[in-house]
Amino acid sequence: MKKWGLMLVLLTVALLFAGIDAEAQCSICTKTASQLGEKPAKALNGAIIYLMSTPLLIIGFIGWRWWKMQKKDEEQQA
């Protein structure tokens, strides 16, 4: 089981650093980025993706811990 958890963490980290170009800007950020130029716009987009991923990772970790605790409780009841 630890092997699968490690593989999941490594896969998540690899996907975060894969450098996928994504458009994650709202209309206000898009207008601001178009005025900044190409390099600052890409940096702004990367920052938006980074800030979006942090809460998702925290929620995923909490869900994983909850799932492990539920599984442990089920094993103790059996």
C-alpha atoms as a PDB file:
ATOM      1  CA  MET A   1       0.000   0.000   0.000  1.00  0.00           C
ATOM      2  CA  LYS A   2       2.872   2.386   0.756  1.00  0.00           C
ATOM      3  CA  LYS A   3       4.233   1.724  -2.707  1.00  0.00           C
ATOM      4  CA  TRP A   4       0.988   2.952  -4.317  1.00  0.00           C
ATOM      5  CA  GLY A   5       0.947   6.063  -2.129  1.00  0.00           C
ATOM      6  CA  LEU A   6       4.515   6.891  -3.094  1.00  0.00           C
ATOM      7  CA  MET A   7       3.722   6.364  -6.772  1.00  0.00           C
ATOM      8  CA  LEU A   8       0.693   8.671  -6.481  1.00  0.00           C
ATOM      9  CA  VAL A   9       2.772  11.406  -4.851  1.00  0.00           C
ATOM     10  CA  LEU A  10       5.501  11.105  -7.475  1.00  0.00           C
ATOM     11  CA  LEU A  11       2.957  11.200 -10.291  1.00  0.00           C
ATOM     12  CA  THR A  12       1.335  14.309  -8.806  1.00  0.00           C
ATOM     13  CA  VAL A  13       4.684  16.075  -8.482  1.00  0.00           C
ATOM     14  CA  ALA A  14       5.656  15.082 -12.022  1.00  0.00           C
ATOM     15  CA  LEU A  15       2.395  16.462 -13.418  1.00  0.00           C
ATOM     16  CA  LEU A  16       2.837  19.723 -11.525  1.00  0.00           C
ATOM     17  CA  PHE A  17       6.278  20.271 -13.003  1.00  0.00           C
ATOM     18  CA  ALA A  18       5.452  19.012 -16.498  1.00  0.00           C
ATOM     19  CA  GLY A  19       5.176  22.550 -17.827  1.00  0.00           C
ATOM     20  CA  ILE A  20       1.775  22.175 -19.398  1.00  0.00           C
ATOM     21  CA  ASP A  21       0.626  25.398 -21.017  1.00  0.00           C
ATOM     22  CA  ALA A  22      -2.804  26.168 -19.640  1.00  0.00           C
ATOM     23  CA  GLU A  23      -4.965  29.233 -19.903  1.00  0.00           C
ATOM     24  CA  ALA A  24      -6.082  29.920 -16.357  1.00  0.00           C
ATOM     25  CA  GLN A  25      -6.858  33.577 -16.489  1.00  0.00           C
ATOM     26  CA  CYS A  26     -10.103  35.334 -15.783  1.00  0.00           C
ATOM     27  CA  SER A  27     -11.145  38.172 -18.064  1.00  0.00           C
ATOM     28  CA  ILE A  28      -9.586  40.822 -15.816  1.00  0.00           C
ATOM     29  CA  CYS A  29      -6.266  38.962 -15.610  1.00  0.00           C
ATOM     30  CA  THR A  30      -6.283  38.415 -19.377  1.00  0.00           C
ATOM     31  CA  LYS A  31      -6.708  42.135 -20.012  1.00  0.00           C
ATOM     32  CA  THR A  32      -3.929  42.967 -17.536  1.00  0.00           C
ATOM     33  CA  ALA A  33      -1.621  40.307 -18.980  1.00  0.00           C
ATOM     34  CA  SER A  34      -2.157  41.570 -22.537  1.00  0.00           C
ATOM     35  CA  GLN A  35      -0.924  44.980 -21.438  1.00  0.00           C
ATOM     36  CA  LEU A  36       2.186  43.551 -19.732  1.00  0.00           C
ATOM     37  CA  GLY A  37       3.754  41.749 -22.653  1.00  0.00           C
ATOM     38  CA  GLU A  38       4.492  38.086 -23.412  1.00  0.00           C
ATOM     39  CA  LYS A  39       6.986  37.109 -20.675  1.00  0.00           C
ATOM     40  CA  PRO A  40       5.152  38.723 -17.750  1.00  0.00           C
ATOM     41  CA  ALA A  41       1.868  37.283 -19.058  1.00  0.00           C
ATOM     42  CA  LYS A  42       3.318  33.761 -19.021  1.00  0.00           C
ATOM     43  CA  ALA A  43       4.645  34.339 -15.508  1.00  0.00           C
ATOM     44  CA  LEU A  44       1.225  35.555 -14.378  1.00  0.00           C
ATOM     45  CA  ASN A  45      -0.425  32.491 -15.895  1.00  0.00           C
ATOM     46  CA  GLY A  46       2.074  30.186 -14.170  1.00  0.00           C
ATOM     47  CA  ALA A  47       1.442  31.892 -10.845  1.00  0.00           C
ATOM     48  CA  ILE A  48      -2.314  31.425 -11.247  1.00  0.00           C
ATOM     49  CA  ILE A  49      -1.826  27.703 -11.940  1.00  0.00           C
ATOM     50  CA  TYR A  50       0.508  27.379  -8.939  1.00  0.00           C
ATOM     51  CA  LEU A  51      -1.898  29.143  -6.598  1.00  0.00           C
ATOM     52  CA  MET A  52      -4.776  26.995  -7.843  1.00  0.00           C
ATOM     53  CA  SER A  53      -2.909  23.730  -7.250  1.00  0.00           C
ATOM     54  CA  THR A  54      -2.020  24.402  -3.605  1.00  0.00           C
ATOM     55  CA  PRO A  55      -5.571  24.227  -2.169  1.00  0.00           C
ATOM     56  CA  LEU A  56      -6.340  21.206  -4.336  1.00  0.00           C
ATOM     57  CA  LEU A  57      -3.313  19.367  -2.946  1.00  0.00           C
ATOM     58  CA  ILE A  58      -4.334  20.240   0.617  1.00  0.00           C
ATOM     59  CA  ILE A  59      -7.887  18.990   0.033  1.00  0.00           C
ATOM     60  CA  GLY A  60      -6.508  15.821  -1.563  1.00  0.00           C
ATOM     61  CA  PHE A  61      -4.229  15.198   1.411  1.00  0.00           C
ATOM     62  CA  ILE A  62      -7.085  15.671   3.881  1.00  0.00           C
ATOM     63  CA  GLY A  63      -9.260  13.277   1.858  1.00  0.00           C
ATOM     64  CA  TRP A  64      -6.487  10.699   1.724  1.00  0.00           C
ATOM     65  CA  ARG A  65      -5.963  10.904   5.511  1.00  0.00           C
ATOM     66  CA  TRP A  66      -9.720  10.581   6.089  1.00  0.00           C
ATOM     67  CA  TRP A  67      -9.845   7.540   3.810  1.00  0.00           C
ATOM     68  CA  LYS A  68      -6.927   5.899   5.694  1.00  0.00           C
ATOM     69  CA  MET A  69      -8.581   6.543   9.054  1.00  0.00           C
ATOM     70  CA  GLN A  70     -11.884   5.076   7.820  1.00  0.00           C
ATOM     71  CA  LYS A  71     -10.088   2.023   6.480  1.00  0.00           C
ATOM     72  CA  LYS A  72      -8.238   1.588   9.787  1.00  0.00           C
ATOM     73  CA  ASP A  73     -11.505   1.845  11.751  1.00  0.00           C
ATOM     74  CA  GLU A  74     -13.147  -0.773   9.493  1.00  0.00           C
ATOM     75  CA  GLU A  75     -10.228  -3.167  10.053  1.00  0.00           C
ATOM     76  CA  GLN A  76     -10.453  -2.720  13.821  1.00  0.00           C
ATOM     77  CA  GLN A  77     -14.197  -3.438  13.829  1.00  0.00           C
ATOM     78  CA  ALA A  78     -13.763  -6.654  11.846  1.00  0.00           C
END
